[in-house]
């Protein structure tokens, strides 16, 4: 069997947690990986452009003679894509835009008591760094998923970094086309740790970002985690290898389940896919389908390695499967179930959920509208996927009338007294005394 089989009933509580531990510990990074990231980060911080050029040549086999391409060159490269590809990207842009635009909501002012008005307003981060990976697959979808909510949030400055291509052109034509849709006027052609470091500190003419977004390999992930400690910069979320958990019953189509598992497995050899079902027959049928479909994939070698990190789980019923899923907290959760919607209220931890036989995870990766930048490695228990609010800060406001201060002032004075913060109380008392004088009028 391609998926290592487990039966939930035979596992202790600790063993159930251990099933997902491999992806948690991988996030911590091996000591040699962290040492390499630290070495590159220090070099780029200290030597700037010189170190960036050196590492780009070492890792990407490209000798840079400039750090970015401008709008004119971006448009020329974008013109290379086929009309069919342009239509596909345009359609994805429209659905993603529509979904994220709906997230723009004004919060009404509320009177918490007579004379006390409070509200909250959104402000975009001043500068967002978007990291678009190169690697084994070019990802224009990631560019859309990061760029569209950033634009809707009103971010005034976007810094885009993507590794240079080895084929002669510095940026992939599909990424260039997305850049034209987003109105991006320059793309910095650097990748890896050097890109994260440059955006974090603001090096070699690359603007310093307030928050850095985007997926990457283990080195990029480690660099993002380190940069927020060293450069006073935020990151979108902790991220690790891609993952999917499929819950299915014996009425589901085994071919669908196998295809969904392989779609995630082909991301990379460290991806993890999990199949959970209450049917032994179904689990066996999916394994047969995996063998058949795997042979047809161009990236079969990568997917096969990912399957070695993966497993299937037999449960007594679907409720038990949902309970396990909430512990695992998958990046993607697929419910191949009849009346899948009736289980949604029971799902407490998942990055993005796909309901029923006609909702493959692939649509969420590309064009249904939801964002595919999602928490992995169990972080869905405490993080959400990317949205417009990821690019914004929330600022609270309050305004009191004299009547409002008279109402709430004694409460504040007493709480300040309890906490021993007398200046807090005095800031209220001095105003209440002034109000008392104004109300009573001048003394004779």
Protein backbone atom coordinates (compact mmCIF):
# COMPACT_ATOMS: atom_id res chain seq x y z
CA UNK A 1 0.00 0.00 0.00
CA UNK A 2 1.28 3.47 -0.88
CA UNK A 3 -0.27 5.06 2.22
CA UNK A 4 0.89 3.70 5.55
CA UNK A 5 -2.31 2.36 7.21
CA UNK A 6 -3.44 3.10 10.77
CA UNK A 7 -6.59 2.32 12.71
CA UNK A 8 -7.67 5.10 15.05
CA UNK A 9 -9.11 2.75 17.65
CA UNK A 10 -5.71 1.10 18.13
CA UNK A 11 -3.88 4.39 18.74
CA UNK A 12 -3.41 6.06 22.10
CA UNK A 13 -4.09 9.80 22.42
CA UNK A 14 -0.35 10.46 22.32
CA UNK A 15 0.04 8.34 19.19
CA UNK A 16 -2.74 10.26 17.47
CA UNK A 17 -0.85 13.48 18.12
CA UNK A 18 2.38 11.85 16.94
CA UNK A 19 0.89 11.14 13.50
CA UNK A 20 1.25 14.82 12.71
CA UNK A 21 4.45 15.50 14.61
CA UNK A 22 6.73 15.01 11.63
CA UNK A 23 5.40 18.14 10.00
CA UNK A 24 5.69 20.10 13.28
CA UNK A 25 9.30 19.16 13.95
CA UNK A 26 10.29 19.86 10.34
CA UNK A 27 9.30 23.48 10.93
CA UNK A 28 11.98 23.85 13.57
CA UNK A 29 14.65 23.27 10.96
CA UNK A 30 17.79 21.17 11.22
CA UNK A 31 20.75 22.90 12.89
CA UNK A 32 22.75 22.97 9.64
CA UNK A 33 19.80 24.57 7.78
CA UNK A 34 19.44 27.29 10.39
CA UNK A 35 23.19 27.86 10.40
CA UNK A 36 23.16 28.31 6.62
CA UNK A 37 20.25 30.74 6.80
CA UNK A 38 21.98 32.71 9.52
CA UNK A 39 25.22 32.87 7.51
CA UNK A 40 23.44 34.19 4.41
CA UNK A 41 21.36 36.66 6.40
CA UNK A 42 24.41 38.12 8.14
CA UNK A 43 26.34 38.37 4.86
CA UNK A 44 23.50 40.16 3.06
CA UNK A 45 22.99 42.51 6.00
CA UNK A 46 26.70 43.36 6.22
CA UNK A 47 27.74 43.34 2.54
CA UNK A 48 24.48 44.20 0.80
CA UNK A 49 24.47 44.07 -2.99
CA UNK A 50 27.77 42.22 -3.22
CA UNK A 51 26.45 39.31 -1.14
CA UNK A 52 23.10 39.28 -2.97
CA UNK A 53 24.87 38.92 -6.33
CA UNK A 54 27.15 36.19 -4.99
CA UNK A 55 24.35 34.07 -3.53
CA UNK A 56 22.13 34.52 -6.59
CA UNK A 57 24.95 33.17 -8.74
CA UNK A 58 25.56 30.29 -6.31
CA UNK A 59 21.93 29.19 -5.82
CA UNK A 60 20.19 30.29 -9.03
CA UNK A 61 23.12 30.06 -11.47
CA UNK A 62 22.35 33.58 -12.70
CA UNK A 63 24.81 36.46 -12.78
CA UNK A 64 22.83 39.59 -12.04
CA UNK A 65 23.79 42.85 -13.70
CA UNK A 66 20.75 44.61 -12.21
CA UNK A 67 18.46 43.87 -9.28
CA UNK A 68 15.08 44.54 -10.86
CA UNK A 69 13.17 44.81 -14.09
CA UNK A 70 10.95 47.81 -14.71
CA UNK A 71 7.46 48.32 -16.10
CA UNK A 72 8.46 48.48 -19.76
CA UNK A 73 10.37 45.19 -19.60
CA UNK A 74 7.63 43.55 -17.52
CA UNK A 75 5.05 44.43 -20.19
CA UNK A 76 7.29 43.11 -22.98
CA UNK A 77 7.81 39.79 -21.20
CA UNK A 78 4.10 39.53 -20.35
CA UNK A 79 3.22 39.81 -24.04
CA UNK A 80 4.84 36.40 -24.62
CA UNK A 81 2.01 34.39 -23.06
CA UNK A 82 -0.73 32.85 -25.19
CA UNK A 83 -4.24 34.34 -25.36
CA UNK A 84 -5.60 31.18 -23.73
CA UNK A 85 -3.24 31.60 -20.76
CA UNK A 86 -4.21 35.26 -20.46
CA UNK A 87 -7.91 34.36 -20.34
CA UNK A 88 -7.27 31.77 -17.59
CA UNK A 89 -5.31 34.24 -15.48
CA UNK A 90 -7.90 36.97 -16.08
CA UNK A 91 -10.69 34.65 -14.92
CA UNK A 92 -8.78 33.70 -11.78
CA UNK A 93 -8.11 37.39 -11.11
CA UNK A 94 -11.83 38.18 -11.29
CA UNK A 95 -12.96 35.42 -8.91
CA UNK A 96 -10.19 36.09 -6.39
CA UNK A 97 -10.91 39.82 -6.55
CA UNK A 98 -14.64 39.29 -6.00
CA UNK A 99 -14.12 37.06 -2.97
CA UNK A 100 -11.62 39.37 -1.31
CA UNK A 101 -13.52 42.56 -2.09
CA UNK A 102 -16.40 41.20 -0.01
CA UNK A 103 -14.05 41.27 3.01
CA UNK A 104 -13.94 45.07 2.98
CA UNK A 105 -16.35 45.99 5.75
CA UNK A 106 -16.76 49.22 7.65
CA UNK A 107 -17.27 48.83 11.39
CA UNK A 108 -20.05 51.13 12.61
CA UNK A 109 -19.55 53.50 15.52
CA UNK A 110 -21.11 52.18 18.71
CA UNK A 111 -22.23 54.09 21.78
CA UNK A 112 -21.07 51.86 24.63
CA UNK A 113 -22.78 54.17 27.13
CA UNK A 114 -24.41 57.57 26.95
CA UNK A 115 -21.82 60.03 25.70
CA UNK A 116 -19.15 57.38 24.94
CA UNK A 117 -18.60 56.54 21.27
CA UNK A 118 -16.09 53.88 20.11
CA UNK A 119 -15.16 52.55 16.71
CA UNK A 120 -12.37 50.93 14.75
CA UNK A 121 -10.81 51.83 11.42
CA UNK A 122 -8.49 49.89 9.13
CA UNK A 123 -5.16 51.20 7.90
CA UNK A 124 -2.93 49.31 5.47
CA UNK A 125 0.66 48.50 6.29
CA UNK A 126 2.88 51.09 4.62
CA UNK A 127 4.96 48.56 2.71
CA UNK A 128 4.28 44.87 2.04
CA UNK A 129 6.91 42.49 0.71
CA UNK A 130 5.59 39.80 -1.63
CA UNK A 131 7.79 36.76 -2.14
CA UNK A 132 6.86 34.75 -5.24
CA UNK A 133 8.77 31.44 -5.36
CA UNK A 134 10.56 30.06 -8.40
CA UNK A 135 11.81 26.56 -7.75
CA UNK A 136 10.38 23.52 -9.51
CA UNK A 137 7.07 25.20 -10.38
CA UNK A 138 6.22 28.73 -11.47
CA UNK A 139 3.31 30.07 -9.41
CA UNK A 140 1.36 32.95 -10.99
CA UNK A 141 -1.54 31.88 -8.76
CA UNK A 142 0.50 32.79 -5.68
CA UNK A 143 1.17 36.23 -7.14
CA UNK A 144 -2.59 36.72 -7.57
CA UNK A 145 -3.34 35.45 -4.07
CA UNK A 146 -0.89 37.89 -2.49
CA UNK A 147 -1.28 40.87 -4.77
CA UNK A 148 -5.08 41.16 -4.98
CA UNK A 149 -5.81 41.42 -1.23
CA UNK A 150 -2.84 43.80 -0.87
CA UNK A 151 -4.34 46.11 -3.51
CA UNK A 152 -7.81 45.92 -1.95
CA UNK A 153 -6.33 46.69 1.46
CA UNK A 154 -4.83 49.86 -0.01
CA UNK A 155 -1.15 49.09 0.64
CA UNK A 156 0.71 52.10 -0.81
CA UNK A 157 3.94 50.25 -1.62
CA UNK A 158 4.40 46.65 -2.76
CA UNK A 159 7.88 45.15 -3.00
CA UNK A 160 7.91 42.04 -5.17
CA UNK A 161 10.81 39.59 -5.15
CA UNK A 162 11.04 36.45 -7.28
CA UNK A 163 14.09 34.32 -8.14
CA UNK A 164 15.58 34.93 -11.60
CA UNK A 165 14.96 32.34 -14.30
CA UNK A 166 17.84 30.38 -15.76
CA UNK A 167 16.48 30.36 -19.30
CA UNK A 168 17.70 33.86 -20.16
CA UNK A 169 14.71 35.96 -19.17
CA UNK A 170 14.85 37.31 -15.65
CA UNK A 171 11.17 36.73 -14.89
CA UNK A 172 8.66 34.15 -16.03
CA UNK A 173 6.14 35.55 -18.57
CA UNK A 174 3.15 34.36 -16.50
CA UNK A 175 4.41 36.25 -13.46
CA UNK A 176 5.05 39.28 -15.64
CA UNK A 177 1.47 39.15 -16.91
CA UNK A 178 0.10 39.03 -13.35
CA UNK A 179 2.30 42.01 -12.53
CA UNK A 180 0.61 44.01 -15.29
CA UNK A 181 -2.83 43.15 -13.88
CA UNK A 182 -1.75 44.24 -10.42
CA UNK A 183 -0.07 47.43 -11.62
CA UNK A 184 3.35 46.36 -10.34
CA UNK A 185 6.02 48.61 -11.85
CA UNK A 186 9.14 46.69 -10.85
CA UNK A 187 10.08 43.19 -9.77
CA UNK A 188 13.29 42.47 -7.88
CA UNK A 189 14.82 39.36 -9.41
CA UNK A 190 16.27 37.82 -6.29
CA UNK A 191 15.07 34.85 -4.28
CA UNK A 192 15.75 32.73 -1.26
CA UNK A 193 17.15 33.94 2.03
CA UNK A 194 18.79 36.92 0.34
CA UNK A 195 15.40 38.23 -0.82
CA UNK A 196 13.79 37.87 2.61
CA UNK A 197 16.79 39.57 4.24
CA UNK A 198 16.81 42.44 1.75
CA UNK A 199 13.08 43.10 2.22
CA UNK A 200 13.38 42.78 5.98
CA UNK A 201 16.23 45.25 6.45
CA UNK A 202 15.83 47.40 3.35
CA UNK A 203 19.10 46.64 1.54
CA UNK A 204 20.59 47.56 -1.86
CA UNK A 205 17.79 49.96 -2.74
CA UNK A 206 15.07 47.43 -1.92
CA UNK A 207 12.49 49.15 0.33
CA UNK A 208 12.13 47.83 3.86
CA UNK A 209 8.86 45.97 4.23
CA UNK A 210 6.66 46.19 7.32
CA UNK A 211 5.31 42.70 6.64
CA UNK A 212 6.55 39.91 4.38
CA UNK A 213 4.19 37.50 2.63
CA UNK A 214 4.60 34.40 0.52
CA UNK A 215 5.56 30.72 0.60
CA UNK A 216 8.95 29.19 -0.04
CA UNK A 217 11.22 26.27 0.70
CA UNK A 218 12.60 25.40 4.13
CA UNK A 219 15.31 28.06 3.83
CA UNK A 220 12.81 30.80 2.99
CA UNK A 221 10.54 29.66 5.82
CA UNK A 222 13.40 29.76 8.32
CA UNK A 223 14.51 33.16 7.00
CA UNK A 224 11.01 34.59 7.52
CA UNK A 225 10.96 33.33 11.08
CA UNK A 226 14.38 34.81 11.82
CA UNK A 227 13.81 38.15 10.10
CA UNK A 228 10.87 39.05 12.30
CA UNK A 229 13.15 38.73 15.32
CA UNK A 230 15.99 40.75 13.82
CA UNK A 231 14.48 43.45 11.64
CA UNK A 232 11.22 44.48 13.34
CA UNK A 233 9.17 43.07 10.50
CA UNK A 234 6.05 40.89 10.60
CA UNK A 235 5.34 37.81 8.48
CA UNK A 236 2.06 36.45 7.17
CA UNK A 237 2.11 33.16 9.09
CA UNK A 238 4.32 30.19 9.94
CA UNK A 239 4.44 27.94 6.88
CA UNK A 240 5.73 24.51 6.08
CA UNK A 241 5.23 21.82 3.44
CA UNK A 242 1.82 21.60 1.74
CA UNK A 243 -0.76 19.16 3.08
CA UNK A 244 -4.29 17.87 2.55
CA UNK A 245 -6.59 15.68 4.62
CA UNK A 246 -9.42 13.88 2.82
CA UNK A 247 -12.38 12.48 4.74
CA UNK A 248 -14.54 10.07 2.74
CA UNK A 249 -17.16 7.40 3.22
CA UNK A 250 -17.83 4.29 1.15
CA UNK A 251 -20.12 6.25 -1.20
CA UNK A 252 -17.27 8.46 -2.41
CA UNK A 253 -15.41 7.89 -5.67
CA UNK A 254 -11.95 6.39 -4.97
CA UNK A 255 -10.58 7.98 -8.14
CA UNK A 256 -11.57 11.44 -6.87
CA UNK A 257 -9.89 10.85 -3.52
CA UNK A 258 -6.68 9.56 -5.13
CA UNK A 259 -6.55 12.53 -7.51
CA UNK A 260 -6.98 14.98 -4.63
CA UNK A 261 -4.19 13.31 -2.66
CA UNK A 262 -1.80 13.35 -5.61
CA UNK A 263 -2.62 16.97 -6.42
CA UNK A 264 -1.14 17.94 -3.08
CA UNK A 265 1.64 15.34 -3.10
CA UNK A 266 3.13 16.76 -6.31
CA UNK A 267 3.91 20.06 -4.57
CA UNK A 268 7.08 18.62 -3.08
CA UNK A 269 8.70 15.57 -1.50
CA UNK A 270 8.02 16.88 2.02
CA UNK A 271 4.30 17.38 1.41
CA UNK A 272 1.95 15.21 3.46
CA UNK A 273 -1.41 13.79 2.40
CA UNK A 274 -3.82 11.99 4.70
CA UNK A 275 -6.85 9.85 3.88
CA UNK A 276 -9.41 9.19 6.62
CA UNK A 277 -12.42 6.91 6.15
CA UNK A 278 -14.77 4.62 8.02
CA UNK A 279 -14.53 2.04 5.21
CA UNK A 280 -11.69 -0.45 4.82
CA UNK A 281 -12.92 -1.25 1.32
CA UNK A 282 -12.70 2.39 0.32
CA UNK A 283 -9.17 2.79 1.71
CA UNK A 284 -8.02 -0.22 -0.30
CA UNK A 285 -9.67 1.10 -3.47
CA UNK A 286 -7.96 4.49 -3.10
CA UNK A 287 -4.56 2.86 -2.78
CA UNK A 288 -5.18 1.00 -6.04
CA UNK A 289 -6.17 4.29 -7.70
CA UNK A 290 -3.04 5.99 -6.37
CA UNK A 291 -0.87 3.39 -8.07
CA UNK A 292 -2.72 3.81 -11.38
CA UNK A 293 -2.74 7.62 -11.38
CA UNK A 294 0.80 8.07 -10.06
CA UNK A 295 2.30 6.46 -13.15
CA UNK A 296 0.65 9.09 -15.38
CA UNK A 297 2.09 12.12 -13.58
CA UNK A 298 5.13 14.03 -14.95
CA UNK A 299 6.04 14.81 -11.32
CA UNK A 300 5.51 11.22 -10.18
CA UNK A 301 8.91 11.03 -8.50
CA UNK A 302 8.13 14.01 -6.29
CA UNK A 303 4.63 12.74 -5.50
CA UNK A 304 5.92 9.26 -4.67
CA UNK A 305 8.33 10.70 -2.09
CA UNK A 306 5.50 12.71 -0.54
CA UNK A 307 3.39 9.55 -0.26
CA UNK A 308 6.17 8.01 1.83
CA UNK A 309 5.50 10.76 4.42
CA UNK A 310 1.76 10.13 4.29
CA UNK A 311 -0.81 7.77 5.77
CA UNK A 312 -4.40 6.54 5.83
CA UNK A 313 -6.55 6.22 8.91
CA UNK A 314 -9.55 3.96 9.54
CA UNK A 315 -12.18 5.34 11.91
CA UNK A 316 -15.44 3.90 13.23
CA UNK A 317 -17.56 6.75 11.84
CA UNK A 318 -17.36 10.17 10.19
CA UNK A 319 -17.74 12.11 13.44
CA UNK A 320 -14.59 10.41 14.69
CA UNK A 321 -12.85 11.35 11.45
CA UNK A 322 -13.81 15.01 11.97
CA UNK A 323 -12.48 14.86 15.53
CA UNK A 324 -9.12 13.60 14.26
CA UNK A 325 -9.06 16.28 11.58
CA UNK A 326 -9.53 18.99 14.21
CA UNK A 327 -6.51 17.64 16.07
CA UNK A 328 -4.44 17.42 12.89
CA UNK A 329 -5.64 20.92 11.75
CA UNK A 330 -4.92 20.47 8.02
CA UNK A 331 -4.04 23.21 5.57
CA UNK A 332 -6.66 21.79 3.18
CA UNK A 333 -9.61 19.63 4.25
CA UNK A 334 -11.74 17.82 1.67
CA UNK A 335 -15.05 16.22 2.68
CA UNK A 336 -15.98 13.62 0.07
CA UNK A 337 -19.26 12.95 1.79
CA UNK A 338 -22.95 12.95 1.02
CA UNK A 339 -24.48 16.08 2.59
CA UNK A 340 -21.02 17.37 3.43
CA UNK A 341 -22.44 20.72 4.56
CA UNK A 342 -24.04 19.19 7.63
CA UNK A 343 -20.55 18.57 9.07
CA UNK A 344 -19.24 22.15 8.71
CA UNK A 345 -20.31 23.23 12.19
CA UNK A 346 -18.15 20.45 13.65
CA UNK A 347 -14.97 21.66 11.94
CA UNK A 348 -12.94 23.83 14.30
CA UNK A 349 -9.45 23.82 12.77
CA UNK A 350 -8.65 23.86 9.05
CA UNK A 351 -7.13 26.33 6.62
CA UNK A 352 -9.64 25.89 3.80
CA UNK A 353 -12.46 23.34 3.43
CA UNK A 354 -13.80 21.76 0.22
CA UNK A 355 -17.27 20.24 0.38
CA UNK A 356 -18.56 17.36 -1.71
CA UNK A 357 -17.46 15.45 -4.78
CA UNK A 358 -17.37 18.43 -7.13
CA UNK A 359 -15.07 20.66 -5.04
CA UNK A 360 -11.47 19.53 -5.63
CA UNK A 361 -8.76 21.34 -3.71
CA UNK A 362 -7.23 22.44 -7.03
CA UNK A 363 -10.00 25.00 -7.56
CA UNK A 364 -9.03 26.73 -4.34
CA UNK A 365 -5.38 26.74 -5.39
CA UNK A 366 -6.23 28.58 -8.59
CA UNK A 367 -9.55 30.17 -9.27
CA UNK A 368 -12.58 29.60 -7.02
CA UNK A 369 -11.79 32.89 -5.28
CA UNK A 370 -10.61 31.86 -1.81
CA UNK A 371 -6.98 32.41 -0.88
CA UNK A 372 -4.52 29.54 -1.08
CA UNK A 373 -1.99 31.06 1.32
CA UNK A 374 -2.93 28.99 4.36
CA UNK A 375 -1.49 27.86 7.70
CA UNK A 376 0.26 24.49 7.65
CA UNK A 377 1.89 22.16 10.19
CA UNK A 378 -1.06 22.34 12.57
CA UNK A 379 -1.04 26.14 12.77
CA UNK A 380 -4.64 26.19 11.54
CA UNK A 381 -5.50 25.74 15.21
CA UNK A 382 -4.53 29.37 15.80
CA UNK A 383 -4.00 31.08 12.42
CA UNK A 384 -6.32 31.97 9.53
CA UNK A 385 -5.60 31.95 5.83
CA UNK A 386 -4.54 35.13 4.07
CA UNK A 387 -7.14 37.84 3.50
CA UNK A 388 -7.46 41.58 3.07
CA UNK A 389 -7.14 42.09 6.81
CA UNK A 390 -3.71 40.42 6.71
CA UNK A 391 -2.45 43.57 4.99
CA UNK A 392 -4.13 45.94 7.43
CA UNK A 393 -3.83 47.19 10.98
CA UNK A 394 -6.88 47.93 13.07
CA UNK A 395 -6.89 51.21 15.02
CA UNK A 396 -9.46 51.82 17.75
CA UNK A 397 -10.95 55.25 18.38
CA UNK A 398 -13.04 56.66 21.22
CA UNK A 399 -14.63 60.01 21.90
CA UNK A 400 -16.37 61.05 25.12
CA UNK A 401 -18.67 63.94 25.80
CA UNK A 402 -18.70 65.63 29.19
CA UNK A 403 -21.71 63.51 30.08
CA UNK A 404 -19.88 60.37 29.05
CA UNK A 405 -16.88 61.19 31.24
CA UNK A 406 -19.13 61.93 34.19
CA UNK A 407 -20.72 58.50 33.76
CA UNK A 408 -17.60 56.37 33.29
CA UNK A 409 -15.10 58.52 35.26
CA UNK A 410 -15.81 57.13 38.75
CA UNK A 411 -15.39 53.59 37.40
CA UNK A 412 -11.97 54.48 36.00
CA UNK A 413 -10.95 56.24 39.23
CA UNK A 414 -11.83 53.17 41.30
CA UNK A 415 -10.06 50.71 38.96
CA UNK A 416 -6.96 52.92 38.93
CA UNK A 417 -7.02 52.97 42.73
CA UNK A 418 -7.29 49.17 42.83
CA UNK A 419 -4.30 48.80 40.53
CA UNK A 420 -2.24 51.46 42.29
CA UNK A 421 -1.89 53.59 39.15
CA UNK A 422 -2.79 56.93 40.64
CA UNK A 423 -1.82 59.06 37.64
CA UNK A 424 -4.40 57.13 35.59
CA UNK A 425 -7.05 58.13 38.08
CA UNK A 426 -5.80 61.72 38.28
CA UNK A 427 -6.21 62.16 34.48
CA UNK A 428 -9.92 61.56 35.05
CA UNK A 429 -10.28 63.32 38.41
CA UNK A 430 -8.80 66.58 37.18
CA UNK A 431 -11.34 66.65 34.33
CA UNK A 432 -14.27 65.83 36.57
CA UNK A 433 -13.27 68.64 38.92
CA UNK A 434 -13.11 71.03 35.97
CA UNK A 435 -16.57 69.92 34.84
CA UNK A 436 -17.91 70.45 38.34
CA UNK A 437 -16.60 74.01 38.31
CA UNK A 438 -18.12 74.71 34.89
CA UNK A 439 -21.49 73.36 35.95
CA UNK A 440 -21.63 75.21 39.28
CA UNK A 441 -20.41 78.46 37.70
CA UNK A 442 -17.91 81.01 39.12
CA UNK A 443 -17.78 81.35 42.92
CA UNK A 444 -18.35 84.72 44.59
